[in-house]
Amino acid sequence: MRCPYCKEDKDKVIDSRSSDGGRIVRRRRQCLNCNRRFTTYERVEELVKLIVVKKDGSRVPYNRDRIIAGVQKACYKRPISMQQIVELAEDVEEQILRQPGQEVSSKLIGSLTMGHLNKLDNVAYIRFASVYHEFQEVGQFIEEAHGLMHRSAEADGQKKLFDEDG
């Protein structure tokens, strides 16, 4: 493993932890050249190749990086760390891998991603929803934001206050 700071390939593992049911190993390493520490992740390569069925019926290989890229765009200039984005993508991936069969719809992936974004950041959720639902008018944004506010008020137990105000 090359050190991301000095590019030397001499390091020692300080700590190892397994997560996601043993599918991911997190290793904390220390470079023996510059003594800086860094973290690496090892993932088990899935033997079953998952296929995503897109809206137009075409089929493409599943790629977790596409979820990450979409969420990164939605989280642009938001207080969301890369670690949170990766964890969100891993959660979505875990959910879709539990689905029976070797094919999953892009609609399901988008829906699961929106569910996680809804919990993480409301602005990122609206941004993602606008692309996912292909909003064409401002009214669609307003409708989605109103629904988000309504769900948030219900979750906070403040539905009565929300109804009185709007």
C-alpha atoms as a PDB file:
ATOM      1  CA  MET A   1       0.000   0.000   0.000  1.00  0.00           C
ATOM      2  CA  ARG A   2       1.468   3.368  -1.012  1.00  0.00           C
ATOM      3  CA  CYS A   3       1.352   6.237   1.460  1.00  0.00           C
ATOM      4  CA  PRO A   4      -0.922   8.989   0.074  1.00  0.00           C
ATOM      5  CA  TYR A   5       1.475  11.611   1.453  1.00  0.00           C
ATOM      6  CA  CYS A   6       5.007  10.515   0.547  1.00  0.00           C
ATOM      7  CA  LYS A   7       4.163   7.695  -1.924  1.00  0.00           C
ATOM      8  CA  GLU A   8       6.400   5.138  -0.165  1.00  0.00           C
ATOM      9  CA  ASP A   9       5.089   1.589  -0.006  1.00  0.00           C
ATOM     10  CA  LYS A  10       6.343   0.739   3.480  1.00  0.00           C
ATOM     11  CA  ASP A  11       3.698   0.864   6.178  1.00  0.00           C
ATOM     12  CA  LYS A  12       2.387  -1.040   9.140  1.00  0.00           C
ATOM     13  CA  VAL A  13      -1.204  -1.819  10.065  1.00  0.00           C
ATOM     14  CA  ILE A  14      -2.138  -0.231  13.388  1.00  0.00           C
ATOM     15  CA  ASP A  15      -5.775  -1.309  13.586  1.00  0.00           C
ATOM     16  CA  SER A  16      -8.176  -3.479  11.553  1.00  0.00           C
ATOM     17  CA  ARG A  17     -11.941  -3.561  11.827  1.00  0.00           C
ATOM     18  CA  SER A  18     -14.521  -5.525   9.947  1.00  0.00           C
ATOM     19  CA  SER A  19     -17.889  -4.016   9.078  1.00  0.00           C
ATOM     20  CA  ASP A  20     -20.923  -4.584   6.883  1.00  0.00           C
ATOM     21  CA  GLY A  21     -21.124  -8.237   7.860  1.00  0.00           C
ATOM     22  CA  GLY A  22     -17.459  -8.847   7.162  1.00  0.00           C
ATOM     23  CA  ARG A  23     -17.635  -7.530   3.582  1.00  0.00           C
ATOM     24  CA  ILE A  24     -15.530  -4.436   4.326  1.00  0.00           C
ATOM     25  CA  VAL A  25     -12.279  -4.278   6.287  1.00  0.00           C
ATOM     26  CA  ARG A  26     -11.087  -0.889   7.524  1.00  0.00           C
ATOM     27  CA  ARG A  27      -7.361  -0.719   8.187  1.00  0.00           C
ATOM     28  CA  ARG A  28      -5.601   2.131   9.957  1.00  0.00           C
ATOM     29  CA  ARG A  29      -2.016   2.309   8.686  1.00  0.00           C
ATOM     30  CA  GLN A  30       1.130   4.246   9.541  1.00  0.00           C
ATOM     31  CA  CYS A  31       3.781   5.013   6.962  1.00  0.00           C
ATOM     32  CA  LEU A  32       7.218   3.866   8.104  1.00  0.00           C
ATOM     33  CA  ASN A  33       8.859   6.601   6.033  1.00  0.00           C
ATOM     34  CA  CYS A  34       6.982   9.804   7.035  1.00  0.00           C
ATOM     35  CA  ASN A  35       5.120   8.417  10.090  1.00  0.00           C
ATOM     36  CA  ARG A  36       1.783   9.831   8.909  1.00  0.00           C
ATOM     37  CA  ARG A  37      -1.360   7.777   9.359  1.00  0.00           C
ATOM     38  CA  PHE A  38      -4.016   6.938   6.792  1.00  0.00           C
ATOM     39  CA  THR A  39      -7.002   4.650   6.417  1.00  0.00           C
ATOM     40  CA  THR A  40      -7.661   2.052   3.742  1.00  0.00           C
ATOM     41  CA  TYR A  41     -10.781   0.023   3.017  1.00  0.00           C
ATOM     42  CA  GLU A  42     -10.900  -3.441   1.524  1.00  0.00           C
ATOM     43  CA  ARG A  43     -14.123  -4.705  -0.007  1.00  0.00           C
ATOM     44  CA  VAL A  44     -15.069  -8.228  -0.916  1.00  0.00           C
ATOM     45  CA  GLU A  45     -15.702  -8.417  -4.632  1.00  0.00           C
ATOM     46  CA  GLU A  46     -19.197  -9.668  -5.265  1.00  0.00           C
ATOM     47  CA  LEU A  47     -19.301 -12.914  -7.207  1.00  0.00           C
ATOM     48  CA  VAL A  48     -22.795 -12.229  -8.486  1.00  0.00           C
ATOM     49  CA  LYS A  49     -22.751  -9.379 -10.966  1.00  0.00           C
ATOM     50  CA  LEU A  50     -25.774  -7.167 -10.467  1.00  0.00           C
ATOM     51  CA  ILE A  51     -27.512  -5.656 -13.486  1.00  0.00           C
ATOM     52  CA  VAL A  52     -29.400  -2.348 -13.340  1.00  0.00           C
ATOM     53  CA  VAL A  53     -32.534  -2.072 -15.480  1.00  0.00           C
ATOM     54  CA  LYS A  54     -32.866   1.568 -16.532  1.00  0.00           C
ATOM     55  CA  LYS A  55     -36.069   3.521 -17.307  1.00  0.00           C
ATOM     56  CA  ASP A  56     -35.698   2.901 -21.040  1.00  0.00           C
ATOM     57  CA  GLY A  57     -35.371  -0.854 -20.473  1.00  0.00           C
ATOM     58  CA  SER A  58     -31.648  -0.993 -21.179  1.00  0.00           C
ATOM     59  CA  ARG A  59     -29.448  -2.994 -18.839  1.00  0.00           C
ATOM     60  CA  VAL A  60     -26.077  -1.908 -17.484  1.00  0.00           C
ATOM     61  CA  PRO A  61     -23.720  -3.386 -14.877  1.00  0.00           C
ATOM     62  CA  TYR A  62     -24.256  -2.056 -11.357  1.00  0.00           C
ATOM     63  CA  ASN A  63     -21.659   0.510 -10.305  1.00  0.00           C
ATOM     64  CA  ARG A  64     -21.665   1.927  -6.759  1.00  0.00           C
ATOM     65  CA  ASP A  65     -19.582   4.882  -7.938  1.00  0.00           C
ATOM     66  CA  ARG A  66     -22.617   6.172  -9.867  1.00  0.00           C
ATOM     67  CA  ILE A  67     -24.585   6.457  -6.615  1.00  0.00           C
ATOM     68  CA  ILE A  68     -21.669   8.284  -5.005  1.00  0.00           C
ATOM     69  CA  ALA A  69     -21.363  10.675  -7.971  1.00  0.00           C
ATOM     70  CA  GLY A  70     -25.082  11.494  -7.921  1.00  0.00           C
ATOM     71  CA  VAL A  71     -25.121  12.076  -4.185  1.00  0.00           C
ATOM     72  CA  GLN A  72     -21.965  14.220  -4.394  1.00  0.00           C
ATOM     73  CA  LYS A  73     -23.697  16.486  -6.914  1.00  0.00           C
ATOM     74  CA  ALA A  74     -26.750  16.768  -4.661  1.00  0.00           C
ATOM     75  CA  CYS A  75     -24.536  17.533  -1.647  1.00  0.00           C
ATOM     76  CA  TYR A  76     -22.465  20.209  -3.397  1.00  0.00           C
ATOM     77  CA  LYS A  77     -21.657  23.004  -0.906  1.00  0.00           C
ATOM     78  CA  ARG A  78     -23.597  21.230   1.830  1.00  0.00           C
ATOM     79  CA  PRO A  79     -22.119  20.208   5.220  1.00  0.00           C
ATOM     80  CA  ILE A  80     -21.908  16.543   4.202  1.00  0.00           C
ATOM     81  CA  SER A  81     -18.603  14.695   4.425  1.00  0.00           C
ATOM     82  CA  MET A  82     -17.314  12.272   1.839  1.00  0.00           C
ATOM     83  CA  GLN A  83     -17.457   9.598   4.538  1.00  0.00           C
ATOM     84  CA  GLN A  84     -21.206  10.209   4.950  1.00  0.00           C
ATOM     85  CA  ILE A  85     -21.714   9.955   1.185  1.00  0.00           C
ATOM     86  CA  VAL A  86     -19.778   6.682   0.993  1.00  0.00           C
ATOM     87  CA  GLU A  87     -21.732   5.266   3.946  1.00  0.00           C
ATOM     88  CA  LEU A  88     -24.991   6.248   2.257  1.00  0.00           C
ATOM     89  CA  ALA A  89     -23.908   4.461  -0.939  1.00  0.00           C
ATOM     90  CA  GLU A  90     -22.898   1.391   1.073  1.00  0.00           C
ATOM     91  CA  ASP A  91     -26.288   1.347   2.822  1.00  0.00           C
ATOM     92  CA  VAL A  92     -28.108   1.574  -0.513  1.00  0.00           C
ATOM     93  CA  GLU A  93     -25.890  -1.151  -1.959  1.00  0.00           C
ATOM     94  CA  GLU A  94     -26.555  -3.410   1.000  1.00  0.00           C
ATOM     95  CA  GLN A  95     -30.298  -2.970   0.519  1.00  0.00           C
ATOM     96  CA  ILE A  96     -30.227  -3.728  -3.195  1.00  0.00           C
ATOM     97  CA  LEU A  97     -28.023  -6.783  -2.723  1.00  0.00           C
ATOM     98  CA  ARG A  98     -30.729  -8.202  -0.444  1.00  0.00           C
ATOM     99  CA  GLN A  99     -33.181  -8.096  -3.347  1.00  0.00           C
ATOM    100  CA  PRO A 100     -33.862 -11.442  -5.022  1.00  0.00           C
ATOM    101  CA  GLY A 101     -32.403 -12.016  -8.465  1.00  0.00           C
ATOM    102  CA  GLN A 102     -29.537 -10.485 -10.374  1.00  0.00           C
ATOM    103  CA  GLU A 103     -31.414  -7.455 -11.705  1.00  0.00           C
ATOM    104  CA  VAL A 104     -32.495  -4.296  -9.899  1.00  0.00           C
ATOM    105  CA  SER A 105     -34.372  -1.312 -11.308  1.00  0.00           C
ATOM    106  CA  SER A 106     -32.772   2.115 -11.406  1.00  0.00           C
ATOM    107  CA  LYS A 107     -36.063   3.340  -9.938  1.00  0.00           C
ATOM    108  CA  LEU A 108     -35.474   1.273  -6.786  1.00  0.00           C
ATOM    109  CA  ILE A 109     -31.890   2.523  -6.485  1.00  0.00           C
ATOM    110  CA  GLY A 110     -33.050   6.134  -6.830  1.00  0.00           C
ATOM    111  CA  SER A 111     -35.849   5.643  -4.340  1.00  0.00           C
ATOM    112  CA  LEU A 112     -33.538   4.077  -1.747  1.00  0.00           C
ATOM    113  CA  THR A 113     -30.995   6.853  -2.284  1.00  0.00           C
ATOM    114  CA  MET A 114     -33.676   9.505  -1.796  1.00  0.00           C
ATOM    115  CA  GLY A 115     -34.791   7.821   1.421  1.00  0.00           C
ATOM    116  CA  HIS A 116     -31.290   8.006   2.847  1.00  0.00           C
ATOM    117  CA  LEU A 117     -30.754  11.589   1.630  1.00  0.00           C
ATOM    118  CA  ASN A 118     -34.039  12.599   3.250  1.00  0.00           C
ATOM    119  CA  LYS A 119     -32.547  11.625   6.619  1.00  0.00           C
ATOM    120  CA  LEU A 120     -29.161  13.196   5.870  1.00  0.00           C
ATOM    121  CA  ASP A 121     -29.871  16.648   4.402  1.00  0.00           C
ATOM    122  CA  ASN A 122     -33.107  18.258   3.163  1.00  0.00           C
ATOM    123  CA  VAL A 123     -31.473  20.482   0.551  1.00  0.00           C
ATOM    124  CA  ALA A 124     -29.487  17.592  -0.929  1.00  0.00           C
ATOM    125  CA  TYR A 125     -32.703  15.546  -0.928  1.00  0.00           C
ATOM    126  CA  ILE A 126     -34.570  18.214  -2.946  1.00  0.00           C
ATOM    127  CA  ARG A 127     -31.655  18.526  -5.382  1.00  0.00           C
ATOM    128  CA  PHE A 128     -31.506  14.767  -5.909  1.00  0.00           C
ATOM    129  CA  ALA A 129     -35.310  14.540  -6.204  1.00  0.00           C
ATOM    130  CA  SER A 130     -35.332  17.248  -8.890  1.00  0.00           C
ATOM    131  CA  VAL A 131     -33.070  15.140 -11.097  1.00  0.00           C
ATOM    132  CA  TYR A 132     -34.579  11.782 -10.141  1.00  0.00           C
ATOM    133  CA  HIS A 133     -38.164  12.941 -10.788  1.00  0.00           C
ATOM    134  CA  GLU A 134     -37.086  15.119 -13.749  1.00  0.00           C
ATOM    135  CA  PHE A 135     -38.756  18.294 -12.473  1.00  0.00           C
ATOM    136  CA  GLN A 136     -39.748  20.605 -15.333  1.00  0.00           C
ATOM    137  CA  GLU A 137     -41.506  23.373 -13.411  1.00  0.00           C
ATOM    138  CA  VAL A 138     -40.935  25.411 -10.255  1.00  0.00           C
ATOM    139  CA  GLY A 139     -44.242  24.104  -8.917  1.00  0.00           C
ATOM    140  CA  GLN A 140     -42.775  20.605  -8.761  1.00  0.00           C
ATOM    141  CA  PHE A 141     -39.969  21.875  -6.516  1.00  0.00           C
ATOM    142  CA  ILE A 142     -42.481  23.619  -4.287  1.00  0.00           C
ATOM    143  CA  GLU A 143     -44.675  20.524  -4.087  1.00  0.00           C
ATOM    144  CA  GLU A 144     -41.727  18.313  -3.145  1.00  0.00           C
ATOM    145  CA  ALA A 145     -40.486  20.846  -0.579  1.00  0.00           C
ATOM    146  CA  HIS A 146     -43.983  21.108   0.913  1.00  0.00           C
ATOM    147  CA  GLY A 147     -44.156  17.317   1.204  1.00  0.00           C
ATOM    148  CA  LEU A 148     -40.723  17.283   2.821  1.00  0.00           C
ATOM    149  CA  MET A 149     -41.758  19.942   5.321  1.00  0.00           C
ATOM    150  CA  HIS A 150     -44.953  18.050   6.088  1.00  0.00           C
ATOM    151  CA  ARG A 151     -43.076  14.753   6.664  1.00  0.00           C
ATOM    152  CA  SER A 152     -40.491  16.543   8.780  1.00  0.00           C
ATOM    153  CA  ALA A 153     -43.185  18.193  10.909  1.00  0.00           C
ATOM    154  CA  GLU A 154     -44.896  14.842  11.429  1.00  0.00           C
ATOM    155  CA  ALA A 155     -41.616  13.264  12.448  1.00  0.00           C
ATOM    156  CA  ASP A 156     -41.013  16.055  14.940  1.00  0.00           C
ATOM    157  CA  GLY A 157     -44.500  15.703  16.354  1.00  0.00           C
ATOM    158  CA  GLN A 158     -45.366  19.224  15.250  1.00  0.00           C
ATOM    159  CA  LYS A 159     -48.027  18.414  12.664  1.00  0.00           C
ATOM    160  CA  LYS A 160     -50.579  20.575  14.440  1.00  0.00           C
ATOM    161  CA  LEU A 161     -48.339  23.661  14.259  1.00  0.00           C
ATOM    162  CA  PHE A 162     -47.637  23.040  10.579  1.00  0.00           C
ATOM    163  CA  ASP A 163     -51.346  22.753   9.716  1.00  0.00           C
ATOM    164  CA  GLU A 164     -52.160  25.972  11.543  1.00  0.00           C
ATOM    165  CA  ASP A 165     -49.449  27.899   9.689  1.00  0.00           C
ATOM    166  CA  GLY A 166     -49.993  26.610   6.220  1.00  0.00           C
END
